[in-house]
Amino acid sequence: MTAILPAKRILLVALALSFACTTSMARSPHTGIAGQSFLPPQIHCFGVDCPGPVPVPTTITVLTENGEFVTKVATDAEGNFAVSLKPGIYRIVPEVFTWAPSSGPIVFGFCTLYASPFQVTVEKKVIASVEVRYEYYCVD
């Protein structure tokens, strides 16, 4: 039996671990949806040079095509979410919530943020990409 030099042994272990990590990340989750939720640009700035849409944390409810509850998932702080689902047609229902835009200590009113529910088709071994775009109406 030939001895493997320590440097070659480390290289082989590193390659094996790299391959194992890469394959497990590529396969998980196999089927489902992944996406992000956004506020419209006008709601978070009051100046002329408003940036594009801003990510917003929220809660997403997933229903079957027939309206049966499947799961509810909270996004991370940047509005990202992912759900493993079986192949099929699903209805995505974003949470409706209230927000009070302010500039320092002054509150300008209350806004209701909503995103219309929408349908998504999940195919076997595919992650469907979705975006949740919120709209709003405000009361002074």
Protein backbone atom coordinates (compact mmCIF):
# COMPACT_ATOMS: atom_id res chain seq x y z
CA MET A 1 0.00 0.00 0.00
CA THR A 2 1.39 3.38 -0.93
CA ALA A 3 1.24 6.23 1.50
CA ILE A 4 -0.63 9.34 0.37
CA LEU A 5 1.28 12.49 1.05
CA PRO A 6 -0.39 14.79 3.62
CA ALA A 7 -0.93 17.61 1.09
CA LYS A 8 -2.61 15.24 -1.38
CA ARG A 9 -4.75 13.78 1.41
CA ILE A 10 -5.95 17.27 2.40
CA LEU A 11 -6.69 18.11 -1.23
CA LEU A 12 -8.72 14.91 -1.69
CA VAL A 13 -10.73 15.56 1.49
CA ALA A 14 -11.37 19.18 0.43
CA LEU A 15 -12.57 18.08 -3.02
CA ALA A 16 -14.85 15.42 -1.53
CA LEU A 17 -16.38 17.91 0.92
CA SER A 18 -16.77 20.52 -1.81
CA PHE A 19 -18.60 18.04 -4.05
CA ALA A 20 -20.84 16.88 -1.18
CA CYS A 21 -21.81 20.45 -0.25
CA THR A 22 -22.45 21.47 -3.86
CA THR A 23 -24.69 18.52 -4.65
CA SER A 24 -26.75 18.81 -1.49
CA MET A 25 -27.38 22.54 -2.03
CA ALA A 26 -28.37 22.03 -5.67
CA ARG A 27 -30.98 19.41 -4.73
CA SER A 28 -32.68 21.19 -1.85
CA PRO A 29 -35.58 21.87 -2.08
CA HIS A 30 -36.48 19.72 -5.10
CA THR A 31 -39.89 21.17 -5.86
CA GLY A 32 -41.63 24.33 -4.67
CA ILE A 33 -41.55 28.10 -4.83
CA ALA A 34 -39.01 30.75 -3.87
CA GLY A 35 -39.37 34.49 -4.06
CA GLN A 36 -39.24 37.92 -2.51
CA SER A 37 -41.76 40.59 -1.46
CA PHE A 38 -41.39 44.29 -2.23
CA LEU A 39 -42.84 47.67 -1.23
CA PRO A 40 -43.53 50.11 -4.06
CA PRO A 41 -40.85 52.84 -4.24
CA GLN A 42 -43.23 55.72 -3.50
CA ILE A 43 -44.19 54.51 -0.01
CA HIS A 44 -40.79 54.71 1.62
CA CYS A 45 -39.55 58.05 0.30
CA PHE A 46 -41.04 61.45 -0.20
CA GLY A 47 -38.38 63.02 -2.43
CA VAL A 48 -37.89 63.20 -6.15
CA ASP A 49 -35.10 60.60 -6.38
CA CYS A 50 -36.90 57.55 -5.04
CA PRO A 51 -35.03 54.27 -5.43
CA GLY A 52 -36.69 51.19 -6.90
CA PRO A 53 -38.87 48.76 -4.95
CA VAL A 54 -37.63 47.91 -1.46
CA PRO A 55 -37.79 44.38 0.02
CA VAL A 56 -40.31 43.98 2.85
CA PRO A 57 -40.77 41.19 5.40
CA THR A 58 -44.24 39.65 5.40
CA THR A 59 -46.16 36.40 5.75
CA ILE A 60 -47.29 34.29 2.79
CA THR A 61 -50.16 31.78 2.94
CA VAL A 62 -50.16 28.95 0.42
CA LEU A 63 -53.49 27.38 -0.56
CA THR A 64 -54.36 24.62 -3.00
CA GLU A 65 -56.10 25.46 -6.24
CA ASN A 66 -59.38 24.65 -4.41
CA GLY A 67 -58.61 27.02 -1.51
CA GLU A 68 -57.47 24.44 1.06
CA PHE A 69 -54.74 25.58 3.47
CA VAL A 70 -51.28 24.12 2.74
CA THR A 71 -48.86 26.21 4.80
CA LYS A 72 -47.99 29.69 6.03
CA VAL A 73 -44.43 31.00 5.81
CA ALA A 74 -42.76 34.13 7.14
CA THR A 75 -40.18 35.83 4.96
CA ASP A 76 -36.79 36.87 6.28
CA ALA A 77 -35.99 40.55 6.94
CA GLU A 78 -35.25 41.05 3.21
CA GLY A 79 -38.59 39.59 2.09
CA ASN A 80 -37.10 36.28 0.87
CA PHE A 81 -39.02 33.04 1.25
CA ALA A 82 -38.97 29.46 -0.01
CA VAL A 83 -41.49 26.64 0.38
CA SER A 84 -41.16 22.99 -0.59
CA LEU A 85 -44.36 21.89 -2.34
CA LYS A 86 -45.58 18.92 -4.32
CA PRO A 87 -46.19 19.52 -8.03
CA GLY A 88 -49.54 21.23 -8.57
CA ILE A 89 -51.36 24.54 -8.83
CA TYR A 90 -51.30 26.78 -5.77
CA ARG A 91 -52.79 30.11 -4.73
CA ILE A 92 -50.35 32.50 -3.02
CA VAL A 93 -51.99 34.90 -0.55
CA PRO A 94 -49.71 37.65 0.85
CA GLU A 95 -50.52 39.16 4.23
CA VAL A 96 -52.31 42.53 4.33
CA PHE A 97 -50.87 44.87 6.93
CA THR A 98 -50.89 48.48 8.15
CA TRP A 99 -47.90 50.76 8.07
CA ALA A 100 -47.44 54.31 9.36
CA PRO A 101 -45.02 56.27 7.15
CA SER A 102 -43.18 58.94 9.08
CA SER A 103 -40.48 61.50 8.76
CA GLY A 104 -38.84 61.72 12.18
CA PRO A 105 -41.43 62.20 14.93
CA ILE A 106 -44.23 63.18 12.52
CA VAL A 107 -46.62 60.46 11.37
CA PHE A 108 -48.29 61.27 8.04
CA GLY A 109 -51.17 58.80 8.35
CA PHE A 110 -51.74 55.07 8.09
CA CYS A 111 -51.33 52.99 4.98
CA THR A 112 -52.77 49.59 4.22
CA LEU A 113 -50.34 47.47 2.23
CA TYR A 114 -51.77 44.67 0.14
CA ALA A 115 -50.68 42.39 -2.66
CA SER A 116 -53.23 40.59 -4.77
CA PRO A 117 -53.36 36.80 -4.37
CA PHE A 118 -52.03 34.98 -7.41
CA GLN A 119 -51.75 31.50 -8.82
CA VAL A 120 -48.52 29.59 -9.45
CA THR A 121 -47.91 26.22 -11.07
CA VAL A 122 -45.26 24.06 -9.43
CA GLU A 123 -43.67 21.43 -11.65
CA LYS A 124 -41.76 18.36 -10.52
CA LYS A 125 -38.12 19.12 -9.58
CA VAL A 126 -38.51 22.83 -10.38
CA ILE A 127 -38.42 25.82 -8.06
CA ALA A 128 -40.95 28.36 -9.35
CA SER A 129 -39.70 31.93 -8.91
CA VAL A 130 -42.29 34.45 -7.67
CA GLU A 131 -42.39 38.12 -6.71
CA VAL A 132 -44.89 39.64 -4.31
CA ARG A 133 -45.42 43.31 -5.22
CA TYR A 134 -47.31 45.29 -2.62
CA GLU A 135 -49.58 48.23 -3.38
CA TYR A 136 -51.03 50.62 -0.83
CA TYR A 137 -53.68 53.13 0.06
CA CYS A 138 -53.26 55.67 2.82
CA VAL A 139 -55.58 57.56 5.16
CA ASP A 140 -54.56 60.89 6.73
